[in-house]
């Protein structure tokens, strides 16, 4: 398994913008939503729910064009404490990554890559 540093270095080497979510306090869905919002510099109007997470992740218009890599360190912490919340967030991240992929329907010069790294 690749470490956070390796994933971040690989992303930076290809010119991507790196956004990291980590910390021991990410034990519930709201804490993770807030951490993602902070890491990705979401607008203050972010609604702190799964629909708003998807909407923001598939927009990213406030960020520069290019690839944006969201690295979630120790995502299993949420999985251990809130399995349903974990699966719901993982589903949204996967859907957003697909939407902003090369063949996605929301591609506008911004691409989203999500990496889960358990250290």
PDB file of N, CA and C in Angstrom:
ATOM      1  N   UNK A   1       0.845  -1.182   0.000  1.00  0.00           N
ATOM      2  CA  UNK A   1       0.000   0.000   0.000  1.00  0.00           C
ATOM      3  C   UNK A   1       0.892   1.249   0.000  1.00  0.00           C
ATOM      4  N   UNK A   2       0.499   2.211  -0.809  1.00  0.00           N
ATOM      5  CA  UNK A   2       1.276   3.450  -0.909  1.00  0.00           C
ATOM      6  C   UNK A   2       0.953   4.374   0.261  1.00  0.00           C
ATOM      7  N   UNK A   3       1.947   5.104   0.704  1.00  0.00           N
ATOM      8  CA  UNK A   3       1.769   6.041   1.806  1.00  0.00           C
ATOM      9  C   UNK A   3       1.200   7.362   1.294  1.00  0.00           C
ATOM     10  N   UNK A   4       0.719   8.165   2.212  1.00  0.00           N
ATOM     11  CA  UNK A   4       0.202   9.488   1.880  1.00  0.00           C
ATOM     12  C   UNK A   4       1.257  10.302   1.140  1.00  0.00           C
ATOM     13  N   UNK A   5       2.489  10.271   1.645  1.00  0.00           N
ATOM     14  CA  UNK A   5       3.566  11.056   1.029  1.00  0.00           C
ATOM     15  C   UNK A   5       3.822  10.617  -0.413  1.00  0.00           C
ATOM     16  N   UNK A   6       3.801   9.322  -0.667  1.00  0.00           N
ATOM     17  CA  UNK A   6       4.039   8.815  -2.021  1.00  0.00           C
ATOM     18  C   UNK A   6       2.909   9.245  -2.950  1.00  0.00           C
ATOM     19  N   UNK A   7       1.670   9.096  -2.494  1.00  0.00           N
ATOM     20  CA  UNK A   7       0.521   9.493  -3.314  1.00  0.00           C
ATOM     21  C   UNK A   7       0.578  10.993  -3.609  1.00  0.00           C
ATOM     22  N   UNK A   8       0.873  11.794  -2.583  1.00  0.00           N
ATOM     23  CA  UNK A   8       0.952  13.248  -2.767  1.00  0.00           C
ATOM     24  C   UNK A   8       2.089  13.620  -3.714  1.00  0.00           C
ATOM     25  N   UNK A   9       3.241  12.966  -3.577  1.00  0.00           N
ATOM     26  CA  UNK A   9       4.376  13.246  -4.455  1.00  0.00           C
ATOM     27  C   UNK A   9       4.066  12.874  -5.905  1.00  0.00           C
ATOM     28  N   UNK A  10       3.416  11.732  -6.108  1.00  0.00           N
ATOM     29  CA  UNK A  10       3.051  11.317  -7.464  1.00  0.00           C
ATOM     30  C   UNK A  10       2.082  12.315  -8.098  1.00  0.00           C
ATOM     31  N   UNK A  11       1.108  12.773  -7.313  1.00  0.00           N
ATOM     32  CA  UNK A  11       0.135  13.749  -7.823  1.00  0.00           C
ATOM     33  C   UNK A  11       0.823  15.064  -8.167  1.00  0.00           C
ATOM     34  N   UNK A  12       1.670  15.530  -7.279  1.00  0.00           N
ATOM     35  CA  UNK A  12       2.369  16.796  -7.523  1.00  0.00           C
ATOM     36  C   UNK A  12       3.289  16.686  -8.738  1.00  0.00           C
ATOM     37  N   UNK A  13       3.912  15.528  -8.917  1.00  0.00           N
ATOM     38  CA  UNK A  13       4.819  15.333 -10.051  1.00  0.00           C
ATOM     39  C   UNK A  13       4.081  15.431 -11.387  1.00  0.00           C
ATOM     40  N   UNK A  14       2.817  15.082 -11.406  1.00  0.00           N
ATOM     41  CA  UNK A  14       2.062  15.194 -12.665  1.00  0.00           C
ATOM     42  C   UNK A  14       1.312  16.519 -12.752  1.00  0.00           C
ATOM     43  N   UNK A  15       1.593  17.429 -11.820  1.00  0.00           N
ATOM     44  CA  UNK A  15       1.032  18.769 -11.873  1.00  0.00           C
ATOM     45  C   UNK A  15      -0.333  18.919 -11.234  1.00  0.00           C
ATOM     46  N   UNK A  16      -0.754  17.927 -10.470  1.00  0.00           N
ATOM     47  CA  UNK A  16      -2.068  17.973  -9.826  1.00  0.00           C
ATOM     48  C   UNK A  16      -2.021  18.809  -8.547  1.00  0.00           C
ATOM     49  N   UNK A  17      -3.172  19.306  -8.174  1.00  0.00           N
ATOM     50  CA  UNK A  17      -3.347  20.005  -6.903  1.00  0.00           C
ATOM     51  C   UNK A  17      -3.749  18.967  -5.862  1.00  0.00           C
ATOM     52  N   UNK A  18      -3.058  18.953  -4.731  1.00  0.00           N
ATOM     53  CA  UNK A  18      -3.286  17.950  -3.696  1.00  0.00           C
ATOM     54  C   UNK A  18      -4.091  18.557  -2.551  1.00  0.00           C
ATOM     55  N   UNK A  19      -5.139  17.833  -2.149  1.00  0.00           N
ATOM     56  CA  UNK A  19      -6.007  18.224  -1.033  1.00  0.00           C
ATOM     57  C   UNK A  19      -6.078  17.024  -0.094  1.00  0.00           C
ATOM     58  N   UNK A  20      -5.665  17.210   1.161  1.00  0.00           N
ATOM     59  CA  UNK A  20      -5.571  16.093   2.090  1.00  0.00           C
ATOM     60  C   UNK A  20      -6.595  16.216   3.216  1.00  0.00           C
ATOM     61  N   UNK A  21      -7.243  15.091   3.494  1.00  0.00           N
ATOM     62  CA  UNK A  21      -8.187  14.971   4.610  1.00  0.00           C
ATOM     63  C   UNK A  21      -7.589  13.955   5.566  1.00  0.00           C
ATOM     64  N   UNK A  22      -7.317  14.388   6.791  1.00  0.00           N
ATOM     65  CA  UNK A  22      -6.755  13.456   7.775  1.00  0.00           C
ATOM     66  C   UNK A  22      -7.013  13.989   9.175  1.00  0.00           C
ATOM     67  N   UNK A  23      -6.804  13.123  10.128  1.00  0.00           N
ATOM     68  CA  UNK A  23      -6.922  13.528  11.519  1.00  0.00           C
ATOM     69  C   UNK A  23      -7.682  12.503  12.327  1.00  0.00           C
ATOM     70  N   UNK A  24      -7.336  12.402  13.592  1.00  0.00           N
ATOM     71  CA  UNK A  24      -7.968  11.399  14.455  1.00  0.00           C
ATOM     72  C   UNK A  24      -9.436  11.700  14.762  1.00  0.00           C
ATOM     73  N   UNK A  25      -9.884  12.914  14.545  1.00  0.00           N
ATOM     74  CA  UNK A  25     -11.255  13.286  14.883  1.00  0.00           C
ATOM     75  C   UNK A  25     -12.277  12.941  13.815  1.00  0.00           C
ATOM     76  N   UNK A  26     -11.857  12.311  12.729  1.00  0.00           N
ATOM     77  CA  UNK A  26     -12.773  12.028  11.624  1.00  0.00           C
ATOM     78  C   UNK A  26     -13.501  10.704  11.866  1.00  0.00           C
ATOM     79  N   UNK A  27     -14.338  10.701  12.905  1.00  0.00           N
ATOM     80  CA  UNK A  27     -15.016   9.486  13.343  1.00  0.00           C
ATOM     81  C   UNK A  27     -16.504   9.463  12.999  1.00  0.00           C
ATOM     82  N   UNK A  28     -17.035  10.570  12.472  1.00  0.00           N
ATOM     83  CA  UNK A  28     -18.437  10.592  12.085  1.00  0.00           C
ATOM     84  C   UNK A  28     -18.597  11.320  10.756  1.00  0.00           C
ATOM     85  N   UNK A  29     -19.746  11.119  10.150  1.00  0.00           N
ATOM     86  CA  UNK A  29     -19.979  11.621   8.793  1.00  0.00           C
ATOM     87  C   UNK A  29     -19.813  13.134   8.712  1.00  0.00           C
ATOM     88  N   UNK A  30     -20.372  13.872   9.662  1.00  0.00           N
ATOM     89  CA  UNK A  30     -20.265  15.336   9.609  1.00  0.00           C
ATOM     90  C   UNK A  30     -18.824  15.819   9.722  1.00  0.00           C
ATOM     91  N   UNK A  31     -18.043  15.162  10.564  1.00  0.00           N
ATOM     92  CA  UNK A  31     -16.632  15.550  10.698  1.00  0.00           C
ATOM     93  C   UNK A  31     -15.892  15.354   9.375  1.00  0.00           C
ATOM     94  N   UNK A  32     -16.180  14.259   8.683  1.00  0.00           N
ATOM     95  CA  UNK A  32     -15.527  14.005   7.394  1.00  0.00           C
ATOM     96  C   UNK A  32     -16.014  14.994   6.345  1.00  0.00           C
ATOM     97  N   UNK A  33     -17.321  15.254   6.313  1.00  0.00           N
ATOM     98  CA  UNK A  33     -17.841  16.251   5.368  1.00  0.00           C
ATOM     99  C   UNK A  33     -17.170  17.606   5.578  1.00  0.00           C
ATOM    100  N   UNK A  34     -17.039  18.013   6.837  1.00  0.00           N
ATOM    101  CA  UNK A  34     -16.390  19.293   7.138  1.00  0.00           C
ATOM    102  C   UNK A  34     -14.916  19.284   6.731  1.00  0.00           C
ATOM    103  N   UNK A  35     -14.242  18.156   6.950  1.00  0.00           N
ATOM    104  CA  UNK A  35     -12.827  18.067   6.597  1.00  0.00           C
ATOM    105  C   UNK A  35     -12.635  18.130   5.077  1.00  0.00           C
ATOM    106  N   UNK A  36     -13.505  17.470   4.338  1.00  0.00           N
ATOM    107  CA  UNK A  36     -13.420  17.533   2.879  1.00  0.00           C
ATOM    108  C   UNK A  36     -13.696  18.960   2.407  1.00  0.00           C
ATOM    109  N   UNK A  37     -14.725  19.574   2.978  1.00  0.00           N
ATOM    110  CA  UNK A  37     -15.062  20.954   2.610  1.00  0.00           C
ATOM    111  C   UNK A  37     -13.889  21.887   2.872  1.00  0.00           C
ATOM    112  N   UNK A  38     -13.226  21.699   3.990  1.00  0.00           N
ATOM    113  CA  UNK A  38     -12.075  22.537   4.330  1.00  0.00           C
ATOM    114  C   UNK A  38     -10.906  22.271   3.376  1.00  0.00           C
ATOM    115  N   UNK A  39     -10.612  21.001   3.132  1.00  0.00           N
ATOM    116  CA  UNK A  39      -9.479  20.648   2.272  1.00  0.00           C
ATOM    117  C   UNK A  39      -9.672  21.136   0.842  1.00  0.00           C
ATOM    118  N   UNK A  40     -10.910  21.106   0.365  1.00  0.00           N
ATOM    119  CA  UNK A  40     -11.210  21.504  -1.015  1.00  0.00           C
ATOM    120  C   UNK A  40     -11.658  22.958  -1.108  1.00  0.00           C
ATOM    121  N   UNK A  41     -11.634  23.651   0.023  1.00  0.00           N
ATOM    122  CA  UNK A  41     -11.994  25.070   0.063  1.00  0.00           C
ATOM    123  C   UNK A  41     -13.395  25.323  -0.506  1.00  0.00           C
ATOM    124  N   UNK A  42     -14.362  24.478  -0.083  1.00  0.00           N
ATOM    125  CA  UNK A  42     -15.734  24.633  -0.558  1.00  0.00           C
ATOM    126  C   UNK A  42     -16.274  26.013  -0.214  1.00  0.00           C
ATOM    127  N   UNK A  43     -17.196  26.507  -1.008  1.00  0.00           N
ATOM    128  CA  UNK A  43     -17.854  27.785  -0.679  1.00  0.00           C
ATOM    129  C   UNK A  43     -18.577  27.695   0.670  1.00  0.00           C
ATOM    130  N   UNK A  44     -18.756  28.821   1.303  1.00  0.00           N
ATOM    131  CA  UNK A  44     -19.402  28.838   2.614  1.00  0.00           C
ATOM    132  C   UNK A  44     -20.844  28.367   2.567  1.00  0.00           C
ATOM    133  N   UNK A  45     -21.421  28.303   1.392  1.00  0.00           N
ATOM    134  CA  UNK A  45     -22.803  27.852   1.246  1.00  0.00           C
ATOM    135  C   UNK A  45     -22.925  26.326   1.259  1.00  0.00           C
ATOM    136  N   UNK A  46     -21.814  25.601   1.418  1.00  0.00           N
ATOM    137  CA  UNK A  46     -21.835  24.136   1.452  1.00  0.00           C
ATOM    138  C   UNK A  46     -22.842  23.654   2.493  1.00  0.00           C
ATOM    139  N   UNK A  47     -23.745  22.777   2.093  1.00  0.00           N
ATOM    140  CA  UNK A  47     -24.857  22.357   2.925  1.00  0.00           C
ATOM    141  C   UNK A  47     -24.595  21.255   3.929  1.00  0.00           C
ATOM    142  N   UNK A  48     -23.394  20.723   4.015  1.00  0.00           N
ATOM    143  CA  UNK A  48     -23.022  19.694   4.985  1.00  0.00           C
ATOM    144  C   UNK A  48     -23.888  18.444   4.901  1.00  0.00           C
ATOM    145  N   UNK A  49     -24.187  18.016   3.656  1.00  0.00           N
ATOM    146  CA  UNK A  49     -24.887  16.759   3.452  1.00  0.00           C
ATOM    147  C   UNK A  49     -24.323  16.107   2.188  1.00  0.00           C
ATOM    148  N   UNK A  50     -24.757  14.890   1.921  1.00  0.00           N
ATOM    149  CA  UNK A  50     -24.185  14.133   0.810  1.00  0.00           C
ATOM    150  C   UNK A  50     -24.502  14.734  -0.554  1.00  0.00           C
ATOM    151  N   UNK A  51     -25.703  15.272  -0.721  1.00  0.00           N
ATOM    152  CA  UNK A  51     -26.037  15.918  -1.998  1.00  0.00           C
ATOM    153  C   UNK A  51     -25.153  17.135  -2.238  1.00  0.00           C
ATOM    154  N   UNK A  52     -24.951  17.928  -1.196  1.00  0.00           N
ATOM    155  CA  UNK A  52     -24.092  19.112  -1.324  1.00  0.00           C
ATOM    156  C   UNK A  52     -22.648  18.703  -1.580  1.00  0.00           C
ATOM    157  N   UNK A  53     -22.215  17.606  -0.971  1.00  0.00           N
ATOM    158  CA  UNK A  53     -20.858  17.108  -1.221  1.00  0.00           C
ATOM    159  C   UNK A  53     -20.685  16.781  -2.703  1.00  0.00           C
ATOM    160  N   UNK A  54     -21.632  16.050  -3.263  1.00  0.00           N
ATOM    161  CA  UNK A  54     -21.564  15.710  -4.681  1.00  0.00           C
ATOM    162  C   UNK A  54     -21.571  16.969  -5.553  1.00  0.00           C
ATOM    163  N   UNK A  55     -22.475  17.879  -5.238  1.00  0.00           N
ATOM    164  CA  UNK A  55     -22.568  19.108  -6.028  1.00  0.00           C
ATOM    165  C   UNK A  55     -21.254  19.883  -6.024  1.00  0.00           C
ATOM    166  N   UNK A  56     -20.648  20.021  -4.861  1.00  0.00           N
ATOM    167  CA  UNK A  56     -19.387  20.770  -4.783  1.00  0.00           C
ATOM    168  C   UNK A  56     -18.248  20.030  -5.478  1.00  0.00           C
ATOM    169  N   UNK A  57     -18.165  18.718  -5.263  1.00  0.00           N
ATOM    170  CA  UNK A  57     -17.085  17.949  -5.869  1.00  0.00           C
ATOM    171  C   UNK A  57     -17.175  17.890  -7.386  1.00  0.00           C
ATOM    172  N   UNK A  58     -18.371  18.043  -7.930  1.00  0.00           N
ATOM    173  CA  UNK A  58     -18.508  18.001  -9.390  1.00  0.00           C
ATOM    174  C   UNK A  58     -18.558  19.391 -10.001  1.00  0.00           C
ATOM    175  N   UNK A  59     -18.350  20.405  -9.187  1.00  0.00           N
ATOM    176  CA  UNK A  59     -18.297  21.782  -9.682  1.00  0.00           C
ATOM    177  C   UNK A  59     -16.839  22.256  -9.682  1.00  0.00           C
ATOM    178  N   UNK A  60     -16.287  22.501  -8.513  1.00  0.00           N
ATOM    179  CA  UNK A  60     -14.897  22.943  -8.331  1.00  0.00           C
ATOM    180  C   UNK A  60     -14.538  24.208  -9.109  1.00  0.00           C
ATOM    181  N   UNK A  61     -15.529  24.991  -9.508  1.00  0.00           N
ATOM    182  CA  UNK A  61     -15.271  26.182 -10.323  1.00  0.00           C
ATOM    183  C   UNK A  61     -14.452  27.239  -9.588  1.00  0.00           C
ATOM    184  N   UNK A  62     -14.385  27.197  -8.289  1.00  0.00           N
ATOM    185  CA  UNK A  62     -13.601  28.157  -7.508  1.00  0.00           C
ATOM    186  C   UNK A  62     -12.126  27.758  -7.448  1.00  0.00           C
ATOM    187  N   UNK A  63     -11.805  26.567  -7.929  1.00  0.00           N
ATOM    188  CA  UNK A  63     -10.424  26.092  -7.941  1.00  0.00           C
ATOM    189  C   UNK A  63      -9.862  26.206  -9.361  1.00  0.00           C
ATOM    190  N   UNK A  64      -8.543  26.260  -9.488  1.00  0.00           N
ATOM    191  CA  UNK A  64      -7.952  26.359 -10.826  1.00  0.00           C
ATOM    192  C   UNK A  64      -8.222  25.108 -11.659  1.00  0.00           C
ATOM    193  N   UNK A  65      -8.219  25.263 -12.968  1.00  0.00           N
ATOM    194  CA  UNK A  65      -8.369  24.127 -13.864  1.00  0.00           C
ATOM    195  C   UNK A  65      -7.208  23.162 -13.648  1.00  0.00           C
ATOM    196  N   UNK A  66      -7.455  21.903 -13.918  1.00  0.00           N
ATOM    197  CA  UNK A  66      -6.446  20.869 -13.765  1.00  0.00           C
ATOM    198  C   UNK A  66      -6.963  19.743 -12.893  1.00  0.00           C
ATOM    199  N   UNK A  67      -6.079  18.819 -12.612  1.00  0.00           N
ATOM    200  CA  UNK A  67      -6.450  17.678 -11.776  1.00  0.00           C
ATOM    201  C   UNK A  67      -6.365  18.057 -10.304  1.00  0.00           C
ATOM    202  N   UNK A  68      -7.378  17.681  -9.558  1.00  0.00           N
ATOM    203  CA  UNK A  68      -7.410  17.865  -8.109  1.00  0.00           C
ATOM    204  C   UNK A  68      -7.482  16.492  -7.473  1.00  0.00           C
ATOM    205  N   UNK A  69      -6.504  16.194  -6.623  1.00  0.00           N
ATOM    206  CA  UNK A  69      -6.420  14.891  -5.975  1.00  0.00           C
ATOM    207  C   UNK A  69      -6.816  15.063  -4.509  1.00  0.00           C
ATOM    208  N   UNK A  70      -7.884  14.388  -4.128  1.00  0.00           N
ATOM    209  CA  UNK A  70      -8.336  14.375  -2.739  1.00  0.00           C
ATOM    210  C   UNK A  70      -7.796  13.111  -2.100  1.00  0.00           C
ATOM    211  N   UNK A  71      -6.930  13.278  -1.119  1.00  0.00           N
ATOM    212  CA  UNK A  71      -6.331  12.146  -0.410  1.00  0.00           C
ATOM    213  C   UNK A  71      -6.992  12.063   0.967  1.00  0.00           C
ATOM    214  N   UNK A  72      -7.668  10.952   1.226  1.00  0.00           N
ATOM    215  CA  UNK A  72      -8.324  10.722   2.524  1.00  0.00           C
ATOM    216  C   UNK A  72      -7.475   9.726   3.289  1.00  0.00           C
ATOM    217  N   UNK A  73      -6.757  10.217   4.287  1.00  0.00           N
ATOM    218  CA  UNK A  73      -5.848   9.405   5.080  1.00  0.00           C
ATOM    219  C   UNK A  73      -6.631   8.737   6.216  1.00  0.00           C
ATOM    220  N   UNK A  74      -6.431   7.439   6.347  1.00  0.00           N
ATOM    221  CA  UNK A  74      -7.078   6.641   7.392  1.00  0.00           C
ATOM    222  C   UNK A  74      -8.598   6.718   7.331  1.00  0.00           C
ATOM    223  N   UNK A  75      -9.124   6.530   6.150  1.00  0.00           N
ATOM    224  CA  UNK A  75     -10.576   6.532   5.980  1.00  0.00           C
ATOM    225  C   UNK A  75     -11.240   5.426   6.790  1.00  0.00           C
ATOM    226  N   UNK A  76     -10.481   4.394   7.114  1.00  0.00           N
ATOM    227  CA  UNK A  76     -11.036   3.288   7.887  1.00  0.00           C
ATOM    228  C   UNK A  76     -11.484   3.725   9.285  1.00  0.00           C
ATOM    229  N   UNK A  77     -10.992   4.863   9.756  1.00  0.00           N
ATOM    230  CA  UNK A  77     -11.458   5.371  11.057  1.00  0.00           C
ATOM    231  C   UNK A  77     -12.956   5.609  11.019  1.00  0.00           C
ATOM    232  N   UNK A  78     -13.433   6.229   9.951  1.00  0.00           N
ATOM    233  CA  UNK A  78     -14.872   6.425   9.818  1.00  0.00           C
ATOM    234  C   UNK A  78     -15.559   5.081   9.607  1.00  0.00           C
ATOM    235  N   UNK A  79     -14.978   4.215   8.802  1.00  0.00           N
ATOM    236  CA  UNK A  79     -15.561   2.900   8.562  1.00  0.00           C
ATOM    237  C   UNK A  79     -15.744   2.100   9.831  1.00  0.00           C
ATOM    238  N   UNK A  80     -14.807   2.219  10.753  1.00  0.00           N
ATOM    239  CA  UNK A  80     -14.901   1.504  12.032  1.00  0.00           C
ATOM    240  C   UNK A  80     -15.961   2.103  12.946  1.00  0.00           C
ATOM    241  N   UNK A  81     -16.160   3.418  12.883  1.00  0.00           N
ATOM    242  CA  UNK A  81     -17.066   4.106  13.805  1.00  0.00           C
ATOM    243  C   UNK A  81     -18.458   4.353  13.247  1.00  0.00           C
ATOM    244  N   UNK A  82     -18.559   4.462  11.938  1.00  0.00           N
ATOM    245  CA  UNK A  82     -19.845   4.743  11.289  1.00  0.00           C
ATOM    246  C   UNK A  82     -19.842   4.084   9.909  1.00  0.00           C
ATOM    247  N   UNK A  83     -20.030   2.755   9.861  1.00  0.00           N
ATOM    248  CA  UNK A  83     -19.942   2.051   8.587  1.00  0.00           C
ATOM    249  C   UNK A  83     -20.911   2.572   7.523  1.00  0.00           C
ATOM    250  N   UNK A  84     -22.112   2.920   7.898  1.00  0.00           N
ATOM    251  CA  UNK A  84     -23.081   3.426   6.922  1.00  0.00           C
ATOM    252  C   UNK A  84     -22.652   4.786   6.373  1.00  0.00           C
ATOM    253  N   UNK A  85     -22.180   5.663   7.258  1.00  0.00           N
ATOM    254  CA  UNK A  85     -21.691   6.966   6.827  1.00  0.00           C
ATOM    255  C   UNK A  85     -20.488   6.829   5.910  1.00  0.00           C
ATOM    256  N   UNK A  86     -19.618   5.891   6.255  1.00  0.00           N
ATOM    257  CA  UNK A  86     -18.425   5.633   5.442  1.00  0.00           C
ATOM    258  C   UNK A  86     -18.816   5.196   4.027  1.00  0.00           C
ATOM    259  N   UNK A  87     -19.713   4.233   3.935  1.00  0.00           N
ATOM    260  CA  UNK A  87     -20.129   3.737   2.622  1.00  0.00           C
ATOM    261  C   UNK A  87     -20.833   4.818   1.816  1.00  0.00           C
ATOM    262  N   UNK A  88     -21.617   5.643   2.480  1.00  0.00           N
ATOM    263  CA  UNK A  88     -22.319   6.728   1.782  1.00  0.00           C
ATOM    264  C   UNK A  88     -21.325   7.747   1.220  1.00  0.00           C
ATOM    265  N   UNK A  89     -20.351   8.140   2.013  1.00  0.00           N
ATOM    266  CA  UNK A  89     -19.355   9.108   1.542  1.00  0.00           C
ATOM    267  C   UNK A  89     -18.507   8.488   0.435  1.00  0.00           C
ATOM    268  N   UNK A  90     -18.098   7.232   0.597  1.00  0.00           N
ATOM    269  CA  UNK A  90     -17.329   6.558  -0.446  1.00  0.00           C
ATOM    270  C   UNK A  90     -18.097   6.523  -1.760  1.00  0.00           C
ATOM    271  N   UNK A  91     -19.395   6.290  -1.690  1.00  0.00           N
ATOM    272  CA  UNK A  91     -20.224   6.249  -2.887  1.00  0.00           C
ATOM    273  C   UNK A  91     -20.245   7.608  -3.585  1.00  0.00           C
ATOM    274  N   UNK A  92     -20.407   8.672  -2.814  1.00  0.00           N
ATOM    275  CA  UNK A  92     -20.418  10.025  -3.383  1.00  0.00           C
ATOM    276  C   UNK A  92     -19.062  10.353  -4.001  1.00  0.00           C
ATOM    277  N   UNK A  93     -17.988  10.011  -3.310  1.00  0.00           N
ATOM    278  CA  UNK A  93     -16.647  10.275  -3.850  1.00  0.00           C
ATOM    279  C   UNK A  93     -16.432   9.538  -5.165  1.00  0.00           C
ATOM    280  N   UNK A  94     -16.868   8.302  -5.221  1.00  0.00           N
ATOM    281  CA  UNK A  94     -16.741   7.505  -6.441  1.00  0.00           C
ATOM    282  C   UNK A  94     -17.557   8.103  -7.581  1.00  0.00           C
ATOM    283  N   UNK A  95     -18.793   8.479  -7.293  1.00  0.00           N
ATOM    284  CA  UNK A  95     -19.653   9.079  -8.321  1.00  0.00           C
ATOM    285  C   UNK A  95     -19.079  10.397  -8.831  1.00  0.00           C
ATOM    286  N   UNK A  96     -18.568  11.220  -7.912  1.00  0.00           N
ATOM    287  CA  UNK A  96     -17.997  12.512  -8.303  1.00  0.00           C
ATOM    288  C   UNK A  96     -16.732  12.319  -9.134  1.00  0.00           C
ATOM    289  N   UNK A  97     -15.907  11.374  -8.730  1.00  0.00           N
ATOM    290  CA  UNK A  97     -14.687  11.095  -9.491  1.00  0.00           C
ATOM    291  C   UNK A  97     -15.035  10.641 -10.907  1.00  0.00           C
ATOM    292  N   UNK A  98     -16.038   9.805 -11.033  1.00  0.00           N
ATOM    293  CA  UNK A  98     -16.471   9.339 -12.349  1.00  0.00           C
ATOM    294  C   UNK A  98     -17.014  10.501 -13.187  1.00  0.00           C
ATOM    295  N   UNK A  99     -17.790  11.384 -12.567  1.00  0.00           N
ATOM    296  CA  UNK A  99     -18.378  12.523 -13.284  1.00  0.00           C
ATOM    297  C   UNK A  99     -17.312  13.496 -13.781  1.00  0.00           C
ATOM    298  N   UNK A 100     -16.232  13.646 -13.015  1.00  0.00           N
ATOM    299  CA  UNK A 100     -15.167  14.572 -13.417  1.00  0.00           C
ATOM    300  C   UNK A 100     -13.981  13.856 -14.055  1.00  0.00           C
ATOM    301  N   UNK A 101     -14.187  12.638 -14.459  1.00  0.00           N
ATOM    302  CA  UNK A 101     -13.147  11.897 -15.163  1.00  0.00           C
ATOM    303  C   UNK A 101     -13.115  12.302 -16.624  1.00  0.00           C
ATOM    304  N   UNK A 102     -12.152  11.789 -17.368  1.00  0.00           N
ATOM    305  CA  UNK A 102     -12.011  12.146 -18.783  1.00  0.00           C
ATOM    306  C   UNK A 102     -13.280  11.901 -19.606  1.00  0.00           C
ATOM    307  N   UNK A 103     -14.033  10.870 -19.284  1.00  0.00           N
ATOM    308  CA  UNK A 103     -15.256  10.561 -20.036  1.00  0.00           C
ATOM    309  C   UNK A 103     -16.504  11.035 -19.294  1.00  0.00           C
ATOM    310  N   UNK A 104     -16.311  11.774 -18.201  1.00  0.00           N
ATOM    311  CA  UNK A 104     -17.437  12.199 -17.382  1.00  0.00           C
ATOM    312  C   UNK A 104     -18.280  13.277 -18.033  1.00  0.00           C
ATOM    313  N   UNK A 105     -19.494  13.406 -17.546  1.00  0.00           N
ATOM    314  CA  UNK A 105     -20.428  14.374 -18.123  1.00  0.00           C
ATOM    315  C   UNK A 105     -20.267  15.780 -17.552  1.00  0.00           C
ATOM    316  N   UNK A 106     -19.397  15.943 -16.576  1.00  0.00           N
ATOM    317  CA  UNK A 106     -19.212  17.258 -15.980  1.00  0.00           C
ATOM    318  C   UNK A 106     -17.807  17.804 -16.184  1.00  0.00           C
ATOM    319  N   UNK A 107     -17.034  17.187 -17.018  1.00  0.00           N
ATOM    320  CA  UNK A 107     -15.657  17.631 -17.240  1.00  0.00           C
ATOM    321  C   UNK A 107     -15.638  19.043 -17.828  1.00  0.00           C
ATOM    322  N   UNK A 108     -14.887  19.944 -17.186  1.00  0.00           N
ATOM    323  CA  UNK A 108     -14.782  21.335 -17.639  1.00  0.00           C
ATOM    324  C   UNK A 108     -13.360  21.852 -17.498  1.00  0.00           C
ATOM    325  N   UNK A 109     -12.399  20.981 -17.644  1.00  0.00           N
ATOM    326  CA  UNK A 109     -11.016  21.387 -17.433  1.00  0.00           C
ATOM    327  C   UNK A 109     -10.537  21.089 -16.022  1.00  0.00           C
ATOM    328  N   UNK A 110     -11.434  20.555 -15.192  1.00  0.00           N
ATOM    329  CA  UNK A 110     -11.073  20.144 -13.849  1.00  0.00           C
ATOM    330  C   UNK A 110     -11.347  18.654 -13.732  1.00  0.00           C
ATOM    331  N   UNK A 111     -10.416  17.961 -13.128  1.00  0.00           N
ATOM    332  CA  UNK A 111     -10.567  16.522 -12.943  1.00  0.00           C
ATOM    333  C   UNK A 111     -10.426  16.216 -11.473  1.00  0.00           C
ATOM    334  N   UNK A 112     -11.196  15.268 -10.972  1.00  0.00           N
ATOM    335  CA  UNK A 112     -11.128  14.855  -9.584  1.00  0.00           C
ATOM    336  C   UNK A 112     -10.613  13.420  -9.499  1.00  0.00           C
ATOM    337  N   UNK A 113      -9.590  13.234  -8.692  1.00  0.00           N
ATOM    338  CA  UNK A 113      -9.083  11.907  -8.382  1.00  0.00           C
ATOM    339  C   UNK A 113      -9.155  11.749  -6.877  1.00  0.00           C
ATOM    340  N   UNK A 114      -9.689  10.635  -6.425  1.00  0.00           N
ATOM    341  CA  UNK A 114      -9.795  10.367  -4.989  1.00  0.00           C
ATOM    342  C   UNK A 114      -8.898   9.197  -4.656  1.00  0.00           C
ATOM    343  N   UNK A 115      -8.084   9.367  -3.634  1.00  0.00           N
ATOM    344  CA  UNK A 115      -7.171   8.319  -3.153  1.00  0.00           C
ATOM    345  C   UNK A 115      -7.430   8.091  -1.669  1.00  0.00           C
ATOM    346  N   UNK A 116      -7.679   6.842  -1.291  1.00  0.00           N
ATOM    347  CA  UNK A 116      -7.819   6.474   0.114  1.00  0.00           C
ATOM    348  C   UNK A 116      -6.522   5.832   0.555  1.00  0.00           C
ATOM    349  N   UNK A 117      -5.930   6.354   1.614  1.00  0.00           N
ATOM    350  CA  UNK A 117      -4.632   5.879   2.075  1.00  0.00           C
ATOM    351  C   UNK A 117      -4.746   5.553   3.560  1.00  0.00           C
ATOM    352  N   UNK A 118      -4.533   4.299   3.897  1.00  0.00           N
ATOM    353  CA  UNK A 118      -4.515   3.905   5.308  1.00  0.00           C
ATOM    354  C   UNK A 118      -3.078   3.658   5.709  1.00  0.00           C
ATOM    355  N   UNK A 119      -2.635   4.426   6.699  1.00  0.00           N
ATOM    356  CA  UNK A 119      -1.233   4.328   7.125  1.00  0.00           C
ATOM    357  C   UNK A 119      -1.079   3.357   8.264  1.00  0.00           C
TER     358      UNK A 119
END
